[in-house]
């Protein structure tokens, strides 16, 4: 059960990081366009 929780936290963290990168790219695109 603990392993699943750690995996879930890891996935959430990776997803959160990806979301931040995506938002940063969108903002950069807005600035350049």
PDB file of N, CA and C in Angstrom:
ATOM      1  N   UNK A   1       0.837  -1.202   0.000  1.00  0.00           N
ATOM      2  CA  UNK A   1       0.000   0.000   0.000  1.00  0.00           C
ATOM      3  C   UNK A   1       0.874   1.254   0.000  1.00  0.00           C
ATOM      4  N   UNK A   2       1.945   1.211   0.783  1.00  0.00           N
ATOM      5  CA  UNK A   2       2.828   2.385   0.844  1.00  0.00           C
ATOM      6  C   UNK A   2       3.476   2.647  -0.516  1.00  0.00           C
ATOM      7  N   UNK A   3       3.872   1.552  -1.177  1.00  0.00           N
ATOM      8  CA  UNK A   3       4.531   1.697  -2.484  1.00  0.00           C
ATOM      9  C   UNK A   3       3.592   2.383  -3.475  1.00  0.00           C
ATOM     10  N   UNK A   4       2.324   1.981  -3.451  1.00  0.00           N
ATOM     11  CA  UNK A   4       1.344   2.595  -4.351  1.00  0.00           C
ATOM     12  C   UNK A   4       1.221   4.086  -4.076  1.00  0.00           C
ATOM     13  N   UNK A   5       1.226   4.441  -2.787  1.00  0.00           N
ATOM     14  CA  UNK A   5       1.093   5.852  -2.416  1.00  0.00           C
ATOM     15  C   UNK A   5       2.296   6.640  -2.925  1.00  0.00           C
ATOM     16  N   UNK A   6       3.485   6.063  -2.765  1.00  0.00           N
ATOM     17  CA  UNK A   6       4.709   6.732  -3.228  1.00  0.00           C
ATOM     18  C   UNK A   6       4.668   6.895  -4.744  1.00  0.00           C
ATOM     19  N   UNK A   7       4.229   5.835  -5.440  1.00  0.00           N
ATOM     20  CA  UNK A   7       4.126   5.899  -6.903  1.00  0.00           C
ATOM     21  C   UNK A   7       3.153   6.990  -7.322  1.00  0.00           C
ATOM     22  N   UNK A   8       2.010   7.050  -6.625  1.00  0.00           N
ATOM     23  CA  UNK A   8       1.003   8.060  -6.949  1.00  0.00           C
ATOM     24  C   UNK A   8       1.567   9.460  -6.736  1.00  0.00           C
ATOM     25  N   UNK A   9       2.287   9.650  -5.634  1.00  0.00           N
ATOM     26  CA  UNK A   9       2.883  10.955  -5.351  1.00  0.00           C
ATOM     27  C   UNK A   9       3.898  11.305  -6.434  1.00  0.00           C
ATOM     28  N   UNK A  10       4.682  10.320  -6.863  1.00  0.00           N
ATOM     29  CA  UNK A  10       5.676  10.535  -7.909  1.00  0.00           C
ATOM     30  C   UNK A  10       5.004  10.950  -9.210  1.00  0.00           C
ATOM     31  N   UNK A  11       3.904  10.276  -9.554  1.00  0.00           N
ATOM     32  CA  UNK A  11       3.180  10.598 -10.779  1.00  0.00           C
ATOM     33  C   UNK A  11       2.600  12.009 -10.700  1.00  0.00           C
ATOM     34  N   UNK A  12       2.018  12.341  -9.546  1.00  0.00           N
ATOM     35  CA  UNK A  12       1.446  13.678  -9.367  1.00  0.00           C
ATOM     36  C   UNK A  12       2.532  14.726  -9.519  1.00  0.00           C
ATOM     37  N   UNK A  13       3.712  14.451  -8.947  1.00  0.00           N
ATOM     38  CA  UNK A  13       4.816  15.409  -9.012  1.00  0.00           C
ATOM     39  C   UNK A  13       5.266  15.605 -10.451  1.00  0.00           C
ATOM     40  N   UNK A  14       5.436  14.494 -11.174  1.00  0.00           N
ATOM     41  CA  UNK A  14       5.859  14.580 -12.577  1.00  0.00           C
ATOM     42  C   UNK A  14       4.816  15.319 -13.406  1.00  0.00           C
ATOM     43  N   UNK A  15       3.538  15.012 -13.158  1.00  0.00           N
ATOM     44  CA  UNK A  15       2.451  15.657 -13.898  1.00  0.00           C
ATOM     45  C   UNK A  15       2.440  17.152 -13.611  1.00  0.00           C
ATOM     46  N   UNK A  16       2.675  17.502 -12.329  1.00  0.00           N
ATOM     47  CA  UNK A  16       2.688  18.907 -11.920  1.00  0.00           C
ATOM     48  C   UNK A  16       3.830  19.633 -12.622  1.00  0.00           C
ATOM     49  N   UNK A  17       4.999  18.997 -12.678  1.00  0.00           N
ATOM     50  CA  UNK A  17       6.156  19.599 -13.341  1.00  0.00           C
ATOM     51  C   UNK A  17       5.854  19.806 -14.823  1.00  0.00           C
ATOM     52  N   UNK A  18       5.281  18.788 -15.457  1.00  0.00           N
ATOM     53  CA  UNK A  18       4.958  18.867 -16.884  1.00  0.00           C
ATOM     54  C   UNK A  18       3.968  19.996 -17.139  1.00  0.00           C
ATOM     55  N   UNK A  19       3.003  20.139 -16.228  1.00  0.00           N
ATOM     56  CA  UNK A  19       1.991  21.181 -16.372  1.00  0.00           C
ATOM     57  C   UNK A  19       2.634  22.562 -16.291  1.00  0.00           C
ATOM     58  N   UNK A  20       3.593  22.720 -15.370  1.00  0.00           N
ATOM     59  CA  UNK A  20       4.281  24.006 -15.218  1.00  0.00           C
ATOM     60  C   UNK A  20       5.083  24.327 -16.470  1.00  0.00           C
ATOM     61  N   UNK A  21       5.763  23.323 -17.019  1.00  0.00           N
ATOM     62  CA  UNK A  21       6.555  23.522 -18.237  1.00  0.00           C
ATOM     63  C   UNK A  21       5.635  23.913 -19.385  1.00  0.00           C
ATOM     64  N   UNK A  22       4.491  23.230 -19.469  1.00  0.00           N
ATOM     65  CA  UNK A  22       3.524  23.509 -20.529  1.00  0.00           C
ATOM     66  C   UNK A  22       3.019  24.947 -20.430  1.00  0.00           C
ATOM     67  N   UNK A  23       2.701  25.377 -19.206  1.00  0.00           N
ATOM     68  CA  UNK A  23       2.217  26.743 -18.988  1.00  0.00           C
ATOM     69  C   UNK A  23       3.295  27.749 -19.366  1.00  0.00           C
ATOM     70  N   UNK A  24       4.537  27.462 -19.000  1.00  0.00           N
ATOM     71  CA  UNK A  24       5.645  28.363 -19.313  1.00  0.00           C
ATOM     72  C   UNK A  24       5.796  28.487 -20.826  1.00  0.00           C
ATOM     73  N   UNK A  25       5.670  27.369 -21.529  1.00  0.00           N
ATOM     74  CA  UNK A  25       5.783  27.390 -22.986  1.00  0.00           C
ATOM     75  C   UNK A  25       4.650  28.206 -23.604  1.00  0.00           C
ATOM     76  N   UNK A  26       3.448  28.047 -23.067  1.00  0.00           N
ATOM     77  CA  UNK A  26       2.300  28.803 -23.579  1.00  0.00           C
ATOM     78  C   UNK A  26       2.503  30.297 -23.379  1.00  0.00           C
ATOM     79  N   UNK A  27       3.000  30.679 -22.215  1.00  0.00           N
ATOM     80  CA  UNK A  27       3.250  32.095 -21.930  1.00  0.00           C
ATOM     81  C   UNK A  27       4.320  32.626 -22.877  1.00  0.00           C
ATOM     82  N   UNK A  28       5.378  31.840 -23.088  1.00  0.00           N
ATOM     83  CA  UNK A  28       6.458  32.253 -23.989  1.00  0.00           C
ATOM     84  C   UNK A  28       5.908  32.429 -25.404  1.00  0.00           C
ATOM     85  N   UNK A  29       5.041  31.515 -25.824  1.00  0.00           N
ATOM     86  CA  UNK A  29       4.450  31.596 -27.162  1.00  0.00           C
ATOM     87  C   UNK A  29       3.628  32.876 -27.288  1.00  0.00           C
ATOM     88  N   UNK A  30       2.876  33.209 -26.248  1.00  0.00           N
ATOM     89  CA  UNK A  30       2.061  34.427 -26.267  1.00  0.00           C
ATOM     90  C   UNK A  30       2.953  35.655 -26.432  1.00  0.00           C
ATOM     91  N   UNK A  31       4.083  35.653 -25.722  1.00  0.00           N
ATOM     92  CA  UNK A  31       4.993  36.798 -25.784  1.00  0.00           C
ATOM     93  C   UNK A  31       5.613  36.943 -27.172  1.00  0.00           C
ATOM     94  N   UNK A  32       5.993  35.803 -27.776  1.00  0.00           N
ATOM     95  CA  UNK A  32       6.649  35.863 -29.081  1.00  0.00           C
ATOM     96  C   UNK A  32       5.661  36.137 -30.209  1.00  0.00           C
ATOM     97  N   UNK A  33       4.415  35.708 -30.033  1.00  0.00           N
ATOM     98  CA  UNK A  33       3.410  35.941 -31.071  1.00  0.00           C
ATOM     99  C   UNK A  33       2.682  37.241 -30.779  1.00  0.00           C
TER     100      UNK A  33
END
